[in-house]
Each structure stands twice: as C-alpha cells, then as structure tokens.
Amino acid sequence: MRIRQLTAATTVAATALLLSACGSSPLEGKNGSEVADAAADALEKADAVHVTGEMEQEGETGEVDLHLQGDDATGTITFNGAELELISVDGAVYVKGAPEFWASFGLPEAAAAMFEDQWVILPAEASGGFDDFSLAGIVDSFRNPESAVKDEVRSGEVDGTDVVVVEQEDGSTLSVADDDPSYPLTLTNDGEEGGTMTFSRFGEQEDISAPEDAIDLADLGA
C-alpha cells in the first residue's frame, strides 16, 4: 500500500512539474541584450547553420546562400547579378566567378578569361572581407551589434514558430525562437547596410573541402 501511495504521489508531482515547464518560456524575463546573447549561444553551440537572404552594401544589392559550419563555409554570394561561388576551409578562401566578375575589378578581358570555371585562392589580405560571412562573424554581430539594443522585447511569429523580437535603436530586428534552444530565425538590418537574413538547418553537417587545382593569386602577383 505504501509503494502505491509513493508511486501515485511521485506521478502527481512529476505531472505538475511537466505542466509547469510547458507553460514557461526560456526567454521569459530577459531583456533585448539577453535574448540576443541566448541566440548567439544557441547558434554557437549548434556549430552549423544555413543562411539565405538579401543585403545591401555600399549602394549595391546582393544575395547570400551559404552553409556555415565551424570556421568553414560554402555557398554563393551574388552582387548586381554576378554570382560568386565561395568555399572557406582551413583558413583559406576559394572563390569562382564568371570572367565578367573579375573584369569588374579592372582586369583586362584576356586576364579575366583565365579565371573562367576556375577556383581562385584569395590572398589573406583580401579574404578578410569575408569574415562577416562566417559563423563566428554572425555570433559576434548578435553579441556586439553596431546599434544599441533596446531592453524591451515583444512577441511575434515566424513561419508558425513563436519568437521573441529584439529591436535595435536603428530599427534593426532579430527574431529568436521562444524555445530551447533559442535559435535566431530572422535578422532584418535597417541600418546603413540593409537586408534580411533567414537562418535554418541548425547543426546539420556538410562535407566542406578545398577545391582541386585552384589558382593562387599570390603566385600571380595579383
């Protein structure tokens, strides 16, 4: 009889605890900076994410479709209709673009034609420009945004998922899943460089390897 009573009491306590947990929010009571930090922590722990969206830099519009994984990345970046394939692995950045892309940097037509269907290794001083297109770069942007983060947050929804929306002083917003893990789902930048990014496929791993027979621009004196 005592065993039955103990079992029943334990069941009631466990049920009450479960119901209480289901009704709570992991982001409840957190201010804007704390929610953004939670999103950064979740993304950093996932160690992989797929990022798609549109952006504007220096008056030019572009698109990104990238898989970020640890320190590596693979995908495409498009600016003004010119698509650039990108692989970043083991600290080196490889790109492949049409001759028109290379010609846009002032290369003569004959020189630009050398790079058609060819992977190119960027020099270290040039590859630093892709730091923002990295997992660490995005995590850092959540923790140290260019515009101050407002303390007050609001509730919202992204594709049927409940989110907590963080707003910055410049109007930029970050929507974070009101769940555990608190993954970032969308980022809308209303600052000097506008754009909207969507995050998905958290934690999914891909095989990212260096392309063969890549041209090293450093060897060409470029």
C-alpha atoms as a PDB file:
ATOM      1  CA  MET A   1       0.000   0.000   0.000  1.00  0.00           C
ATOM      2  CA  ARG A   2       2.844   2.365   0.839  1.00  0.00           C
ATOM      3  CA  ILE A   3       4.511   1.653  -2.513  1.00  0.00           C
ATOM      4  CA  ARG A   4       1.312   2.536  -4.364  1.00  0.00           C
ATOM      5  CA  GLN A   5       0.936   5.761  -2.418  1.00  0.00           C
ATOM      6  CA  LEU A   6       4.547   6.722  -3.104  1.00  0.00           C
ATOM      7  CA  THR A   7       4.140   5.966  -6.802  1.00  0.00           C
ATOM      8  CA  ALA A   8       0.960   7.990  -7.046  1.00  0.00           C
ATOM      9  CA  ALA A   9       2.492  10.927  -5.226  1.00  0.00           C
ATOM     10  CA  THR A  10       5.539  10.838  -7.479  1.00  0.00           C
ATOM     11  CA  THR A  11       3.336  10.734 -10.575  1.00  0.00           C
ATOM     12  CA  VAL A  12       1.314  13.728  -9.438  1.00  0.00           C
ATOM     13  CA  ALA A  13       4.470  15.709  -8.654  1.00  0.00           C
ATOM     14  CA  ALA A  14       6.041  14.824 -11.999  1.00  0.00           C
ATOM     15  CA  THR A  15       2.876  15.784 -13.871  1.00  0.00           C
ATOM     16  CA  ALA A  16       2.670  19.118 -12.080  1.00  0.00           C
ATOM     17  CA  LEU A  17       6.320  19.804 -12.862  1.00  0.00           C
ATOM     18  CA  LEU A  18       5.800  18.916 -16.545  1.00  0.00           C
ATOM     19  CA  LEU A  19       2.744  21.140 -16.862  1.00  0.00           C
ATOM     20  CA  SER A  20       4.624  23.978 -15.201  1.00  0.00           C
ATOM     21  CA  ALA A  21       7.555  23.582 -17.579  1.00  0.00           C
ATOM     22  CA  CYS A  22       5.292  23.507 -20.628  1.00  0.00           C
ATOM     23  CA  GLY A  23       3.755  26.804 -19.641  1.00  0.00           C
ATOM     24  CA  SER A  24       7.018  28.666 -19.202  1.00  0.00           C
ATOM     25  CA  SER A  25       9.219  30.425 -21.728  1.00  0.00           C
ATOM     26  CA  PRO A  26      13.015  30.006 -21.741  1.00  0.00           C
ATOM     27  CA  LEU A  27      13.298  33.692 -22.682  1.00  0.00           C
ATOM     28  CA  GLU A  28      10.767  34.967 -20.169  1.00  0.00           C
ATOM     29  CA  GLY A  29      12.020  37.974 -18.229  1.00  0.00           C
ATOM     30  CA  LYS A  30      15.063  38.527 -20.446  1.00  0.00           C
ATOM     31  CA  ASN A  31      15.808  41.942 -21.914  1.00  0.00           C
ATOM     32  CA  GLY A  32      16.845  42.532 -25.507  1.00  0.00           C
ATOM     33  CA  SER A  33      20.572  42.034 -24.985  1.00  0.00           C
ATOM     34  CA  GLU A  34      19.992  38.847 -23.010  1.00  0.00           C
ATOM     35  CA  VAL A  35      17.752  37.407 -25.733  1.00  0.00           C
ATOM     36  CA  ALA A  36      20.351  38.253 -28.389  1.00  0.00           C
ATOM     37  CA  ASP A  37      23.026  36.595 -26.242  1.00  0.00           C
ATOM     38  CA  ALA A  38      20.833  33.495 -25.918  1.00  0.00           C
ATOM     39  CA  ALA A  39      20.538  33.355 -29.717  1.00  0.00           C
ATOM     40  CA  ALA A  40      24.311  33.726 -30.056  1.00  0.00           C
ATOM     41  CA  ASP A  41      24.886  30.921 -27.537  1.00  0.00           C
ATOM     42  CA  ALA A  42      22.427  28.591 -29.315  1.00  0.00           C
ATOM     43  CA  LEU A  43      23.966  29.269 -32.726  1.00  0.00           C
ATOM     44  CA  GLU A  44      27.495  28.848 -31.427  1.00  0.00           C
ATOM     45  CA  LYS A  45      26.571  25.527 -29.801  1.00  0.00           C
ATOM     46  CA  ALA A  46      24.860  24.290 -32.984  1.00  0.00           C
ATOM     47  CA  ASP A  47      28.151  24.937 -34.829  1.00  0.00           C
ATOM     48  CA  ALA A  48      26.376  24.912 -38.215  1.00  0.00           C
ATOM     49  CA  VAL A  49      23.622  26.925 -39.911  1.00  0.00           C
ATOM     50  CA  HIS A  50      22.256  27.699 -43.372  1.00  0.00           C
ATOM     51  CA  VAL A  51      21.878  31.408 -44.134  1.00  0.00           C
ATOM     52  CA  THR A  52      19.885  32.880 -47.011  1.00  0.00           C
ATOM     53  CA  GLY A  53      18.769  36.421 -47.704  1.00  0.00           C
ATOM     54  CA  GLU A  54      19.288  39.760 -49.351  1.00  0.00           C
ATOM     55  CA  MET A  55      21.631  42.558 -48.398  1.00  0.00           C
ATOM     56  CA  GLU A  56      22.801  45.982 -49.450  1.00  0.00           C
ATOM     57  CA  GLN A  57      26.393  47.190 -49.196  1.00  0.00           C
ATOM     58  CA  GLU A  58      27.723  50.497 -50.457  1.00  0.00           C
ATOM     59  CA  GLY A  59      24.628  51.033 -52.555  1.00  0.00           C
ATOM     60  CA  GLU A  60      24.828  47.606 -54.210  1.00  0.00           C
ATOM     61  CA  THR A  61      22.243  44.890 -53.683  1.00  0.00           C
ATOM     62  CA  GLY A  62      23.102  41.236 -53.326  1.00  0.00           C
ATOM     63  CA  GLU A  63      22.006  37.819 -52.167  1.00  0.00           C
ATOM     64  CA  VAL A  64      23.612  35.181 -49.986  1.00  0.00           C
ATOM     65  CA  ASP A  65      23.031  31.426 -49.832  1.00  0.00           C
ATOM     66  CA  LEU A  66      25.636  29.977 -47.501  1.00  0.00           C
ATOM     67  CA  HIS A  67      26.149  26.986 -45.250  1.00  0.00           C
ATOM     68  CA  LEU A  68      28.323  27.996 -42.296  1.00  0.00           C
ATOM     69  CA  GLN A  69      29.984  25.253 -40.284  1.00  0.00           C
ATOM     70  CA  GLY A  70      32.543  25.889 -37.587  1.00  0.00           C
ATOM     71  CA  ASP A  71      35.249  28.024 -39.191  1.00  0.00           C
ATOM     72  CA  ASP A  72      34.282  26.879 -42.699  1.00  0.00           C
ATOM     73  CA  ALA A  73      31.670  27.952 -45.243  1.00  0.00           C
ATOM     74  CA  THR A  74      30.329  27.040 -48.675  1.00  0.00           C
ATOM     75  CA  GLY A  75      27.718  28.564 -50.964  1.00  0.00           C
ATOM     76  CA  THR A  76      27.166  31.583 -53.180  1.00  0.00           C
ATOM     77  CA  ILE A  77      27.193  35.362 -52.891  1.00  0.00           C
ATOM     78  CA  THR A  78      25.589  37.449 -55.631  1.00  0.00           C
ATOM     79  CA  PHE A  79      26.129  41.165 -56.245  1.00  0.00           C
ATOM     80  CA  ASN A  80      24.395  43.074 -59.030  1.00  0.00           C
ATOM     81  CA  GLY A  81      23.613  39.852 -60.855  1.00  0.00           C
ATOM     82  CA  ALA A  82      27.176  38.481 -60.697  1.00  0.00           C
ATOM     83  CA  GLU A  83      27.270  35.214 -58.765  1.00  0.00           C
ATOM     84  CA  LEU A  84      30.370  34.217 -56.840  1.00  0.00           C
ATOM     85  CA  GLU A  85      30.834  30.680 -55.541  1.00  0.00           C
ATOM     86  CA  LEU A  86      32.628  30.551 -52.215  1.00  0.00           C
ATOM     87  CA  ILE A  87      34.425  27.902 -50.190  1.00  0.00           C
ATOM     88  CA  SER A  88      36.193  28.805 -46.962  1.00  0.00           C
ATOM     89  CA  VAL A  89      38.065  25.902 -45.386  1.00  0.00           C
ATOM     90  CA  ASP A  90      41.098  25.508 -43.124  1.00  0.00           C
ATOM     91  CA  GLY A  91      41.661  29.261 -43.071  1.00  0.00           C
ATOM     92  CA  ALA A  92      41.800  29.669 -46.863  1.00  0.00           C
ATOM     93  CA  VAL A  93      39.106  31.289 -49.037  1.00  0.00           C
ATOM     94  CA  TYR A  94      38.408  29.986 -52.530  1.00  0.00           C
ATOM     95  CA  VAL A  95      36.116  31.774 -54.998  1.00  0.00           C
ATOM     96  CA  LYS A  96      34.871  31.069 -58.511  1.00  0.00           C
ATOM     97  CA  GLY A  97      33.158  33.646 -60.696  1.00  0.00           C
ATOM     98  CA  ALA A  98      32.476  34.386 -64.348  1.00  0.00           C
ATOM     99  CA  PRO A  99      35.021  36.481 -66.297  1.00  0.00           C
ATOM    100  CA  GLU A 100      32.609  39.412 -66.008  1.00  0.00           C
ATOM    101  CA  PHE A 101      33.040  39.288 -62.249  1.00  0.00           C
ATOM    102  CA  TRP A 102      36.815  39.566 -62.461  1.00  0.00           C
ATOM    103  CA  ALA A 103      36.595  42.222 -65.170  1.00  0.00           C
ATOM    104  CA  SER A 104      34.539  44.338 -62.782  1.00  0.00           C
ATOM    105  CA  PHE A 105      37.749  44.757 -60.736  1.00  0.00           C
ATOM    106  CA  GLY A 106      39.543  46.283 -63.691  1.00  0.00           C
ATOM    107  CA  LEU A 107      41.203  43.148 -65.066  1.00  0.00           C
ATOM    108  CA  PRO A 108      41.732  43.195 -68.850  1.00  0.00           C
ATOM    109  CA  GLU A 109      39.337  40.931 -70.745  1.00  0.00           C
ATOM    110  CA  ALA A 110      42.097  38.439 -71.612  1.00  0.00           C
ATOM    111  CA  ALA A 111      43.224  38.190 -67.982  1.00  0.00           C
ATOM    112  CA  ALA A 112      39.661  37.826 -66.708  1.00  0.00           C
ATOM    113  CA  ALA A 113      39.077  34.992 -69.172  1.00  0.00           C
ATOM    114  CA  MET A 114      41.819  32.997 -67.405  1.00  0.00           C
ATOM    115  CA  PHE A 115      39.533  32.576 -64.406  1.00  0.00           C
ATOM    116  CA  GLU A 116      36.502  31.137 -66.221  1.00  0.00           C
ATOM    117  CA  ASP A 117      35.285  27.981 -64.408  1.00  0.00           C
ATOM    118  CA  GLN A 118      38.379  28.246 -62.235  1.00  0.00           C
ATOM    119  CA  TRP A 119      38.649  28.264 -58.455  1.00  0.00           C
ATOM    120  CA  VAL A 120      40.920  31.014 -57.153  1.00  0.00           C
ATOM    121  CA  ILE A 121      42.633  31.241 -53.768  1.00  0.00           C
ATOM    122  CA  LEU A 122      42.292  34.732 -52.358  1.00  0.00           C
ATOM    123  CA  PRO A 123      45.298  36.359 -50.641  1.00  0.00           C
ATOM    124  CA  ALA A 124      44.940  36.695 -46.876  1.00  0.00           C
ATOM    125  CA  GLU A 125      44.551  40.479 -47.083  1.00  0.00           C
ATOM    126  CA  ALA A 126      41.588  40.075 -49.444  1.00  0.00           C
ATOM    127  CA  SER A 127      39.903  37.101 -47.764  1.00  0.00           C
ATOM    128  CA  GLY A 128      39.377  39.111 -44.570  1.00  0.00           C
ATOM    129  CA  GLY A 129      36.472  40.820 -46.301  1.00  0.00           C
ATOM    130  CA  PHE A 130      34.507  37.589 -45.962  1.00  0.00           C
ATOM    131  CA  ASP A 131      34.792  37.463 -42.161  1.00  0.00           C
ATOM    132  CA  ASP A 132      31.219  38.729 -41.801  1.00  0.00           C
ATOM    133  CA  PHE A 133      30.047  35.707 -43.800  1.00  0.00           C
ATOM    134  CA  SER A 134      31.101  33.249 -41.108  1.00  0.00           C
ATOM    135  CA  LEU A 135      29.502  31.570 -38.132  1.00  0.00           C
ATOM    136  CA  ALA A 136      31.787  33.441 -35.742  1.00  0.00           C
ATOM    137  CA  GLY A 137      31.037  36.727 -37.515  1.00  0.00           C
ATOM    138  CA  ILE A 138      27.286  36.291 -37.116  1.00  0.00           C
ATOM    139  CA  VAL A 139      27.599  35.209 -33.486  1.00  0.00           C
ATOM    140  CA  ASP A 140      29.708  38.288 -32.778  1.00  0.00           C
ATOM    141  CA  SER A 141      27.174  40.556 -34.508  1.00  0.00           C
ATOM    142  CA  PHE A 142      24.488  39.284 -32.111  1.00  0.00           C
ATOM    143  CA  ARG A 143      26.651  39.906 -29.064  1.00  0.00           C
ATOM    144  CA  ASN A 144      28.152  43.187 -30.245  1.00  0.00           C
ATOM    145  CA  PRO A 145      25.718  44.875 -32.646  1.00  0.00           C
ATOM    146  CA  GLU A 146      26.631  48.167 -34.276  1.00  0.00           C
ATOM    147  CA  SER A 147      23.476  49.798 -32.909  1.00  0.00           C
ATOM    148  CA  ALA A 148      22.396  49.719 -29.254  1.00  0.00           C
ATOM    149  CA  VAL A 149      19.842  47.065 -28.311  1.00  0.00           C
ATOM    150  CA  LYS A 150      16.594  48.138 -26.668  1.00  0.00           C
ATOM    151  CA  ASP A 151      15.748  46.488 -23.356  1.00  0.00           C
ATOM    152  CA  GLU A 152      12.078  45.973 -24.224  1.00  0.00           C
ATOM    153  CA  VAL A 153      11.223  42.970 -26.397  1.00  0.00           C
ATOM    154  CA  ARG A 154       7.970  41.859 -27.987  1.00  0.00           C
ATOM    155  CA  SER A 155       6.354  38.583 -29.021  1.00  0.00           C
ATOM    156  CA  GLY A 156       5.913  37.559 -32.636  1.00  0.00           C
ATOM    157  CA  GLU A 157       5.728  34.637 -35.020  1.00  0.00           C
ATOM    158  CA  VAL A 158       7.943  33.417 -37.861  1.00  0.00           C
ATOM    159  CA  ASP A 159       6.512  30.683 -40.092  1.00  0.00           C
ATOM    160  CA  GLY A 160       4.325  29.393 -37.287  1.00  0.00           C
ATOM    161  CA  THR A 161       7.062  29.484 -34.643  1.00  0.00           C
ATOM    162  CA  ASP A 162       6.673  31.721 -31.607  1.00  0.00           C
ATOM    163  CA  VAL A 163       9.530  34.193 -31.372  1.00  0.00           C
ATOM    164  CA  VAL A 164      10.825  36.994 -29.194  1.00  0.00           C
ATOM    165  CA  VAL A 165      11.716  40.044 -31.265  1.00  0.00           C
ATOM    166  CA  VAL A 166      14.747  42.105 -30.284  1.00  0.00           C
ATOM    167  CA  GLU A 167      14.976  45.639 -31.671  1.00  0.00           C
ATOM    168  CA  GLN A 168      17.969  47.926 -32.025  1.00  0.00           C
ATOM    169  CA  GLU A 169      17.967  51.710 -31.906  1.00  0.00           C
ATOM    170  CA  ASP A 170      18.439  51.917 -35.693  1.00  0.00           C
ATOM    171  CA  GLY A 171      15.297  49.807 -36.280  1.00  0.00           C
ATOM    172  CA  SER A 172      17.056  46.516 -36.997  1.00  0.00           C
ATOM    173  CA  THR A 173      15.319  43.446 -35.556  1.00  0.00           C
ATOM    174  CA  LEU A 174      16.319  39.927 -34.552  1.00  0.00           C
ATOM    175  CA  SER A 175      13.631  37.248 -34.196  1.00  0.00           C
ATOM    176  CA  VAL A 176      14.611  34.462 -31.793  1.00  0.00           C
ATOM    177  CA  ALA A 177      12.734  31.190 -31.334  1.00  0.00           C
ATOM    178  CA  ASP A 178      10.944  31.201 -27.987  1.00  0.00           C
ATOM    179  CA  ASP A 179      12.171  27.700 -27.342  1.00  0.00           C
ATOM    180  CA  ASP A 180      15.152  25.759 -26.115  1.00  0.00           C
ATOM    181  CA  PRO A 181      17.492  26.068 -27.979  1.00  0.00           C
ATOM    182  CA  SER A 182      16.697  29.726 -28.684  1.00  0.00           C
ATOM    183  CA  TYR A 183      17.841  29.755 -32.299  1.00  0.00           C
ATOM    184  CA  PRO A 184      17.864  33.002 -34.303  1.00  0.00           C
ATOM    185  CA  LEU A 185      15.353  32.731 -37.160  1.00  0.00           C
ATOM    186  CA  THR A 186      15.465  36.073 -38.983  1.00  0.00           C
ATOM    187  CA  LEU A 187      17.587  39.206 -38.905  1.00  0.00           C
ATOM    188  CA  THR A 188      16.425  42.423 -40.542  1.00  0.00           C
ATOM    189  CA  ASN A 189      19.003  45.176 -40.831  1.00  0.00           C
ATOM    190  CA  ASP A 190      17.652  48.711 -41.180  1.00  0.00           C
ATOM    191  CA  GLY A 191      20.999  50.421 -40.623  1.00  0.00           C
ATOM    192  CA  GLU A 192      23.421  51.772 -43.202  1.00  0.00           C
ATOM    193  CA  GLU A 193      23.653  48.342 -44.835  1.00  0.00           C
ATOM    194  CA  GLY A 194      20.119  46.970 -45.099  1.00  0.00           C
ATOM    195  CA  GLY A 195      18.971  43.424 -45.707  1.00  0.00           C
ATOM    196  CA  THR A 196      17.154  40.417 -44.316  1.00  0.00           C
ATOM    197  CA  MET A 197      18.714  37.091 -43.363  1.00  0.00           C
ATOM    198  CA  THR A 198      16.945  33.810 -42.623  1.00  0.00           C
ATOM    199  CA  PHE A 199      18.566  31.053 -40.558  1.00  0.00           C
ATOM    200  CA  SER A 200      17.763  27.331 -40.776  1.00  0.00           C
ATOM    201  CA  ARG A 201      19.200  23.779 -40.711  1.00  0.00           C
ATOM    202  CA  PHE A 202      20.867  24.296 -37.345  1.00  0.00           C
ATOM    203  CA  GLY A 203      23.533  21.730 -36.536  1.00  0.00           C
ATOM    204  CA  GLU A 204      23.430  19.992 -39.930  1.00  0.00           C
ATOM    205  CA  GLN A 205      26.890  18.975 -41.105  1.00  0.00           C
ATOM    206  CA  GLU A 206      28.166  19.065 -44.684  1.00  0.00           C
ATOM    207  CA  ASP A 207      31.384  17.911 -46.316  1.00  0.00           C
ATOM    208  CA  ILE A 208      33.338  21.113 -46.986  1.00  0.00           C
ATOM    209  CA  SER A 209      36.670  20.541 -48.685  1.00  0.00           C
ATOM    210  CA  ALA A 210      39.134  22.610 -50.675  1.00  0.00           C
ATOM    211  CA  PRO A 211      38.693  22.528 -54.470  1.00  0.00           C
ATOM    212  CA  GLU A 212      41.423  20.931 -56.562  1.00  0.00           C
ATOM    213  CA  ASP A 213      43.725  22.812 -58.944  1.00  0.00           C
ATOM    214  CA  ALA A 214      42.879  26.257 -57.562  1.00  0.00           C
ATOM    215  CA  ILE A 215      44.868  29.235 -58.813  1.00  0.00           C
ATOM    216  CA  ASP A 216      46.727  31.109 -56.098  1.00  0.00           C
ATOM    217  CA  LEU A 217      46.541  34.854 -56.785  1.00  0.00           C
ATOM    218  CA  ALA A 218      49.610  35.378 -54.617  1.00  0.00           C
ATOM    219  CA  ASP A 219      51.627  33.321 -57.103  1.00  0.00           C
ATOM    220  CA  LEU A 220      50.406  35.585 -59.914  1.00  0.00           C
ATOM    221  CA  GLY A 221      51.417  38.737 -58.051  1.00  0.00           C
ATOM    222  CA  ALA A 222      47.786  39.903 -58.094  1.00  0.00           C
END
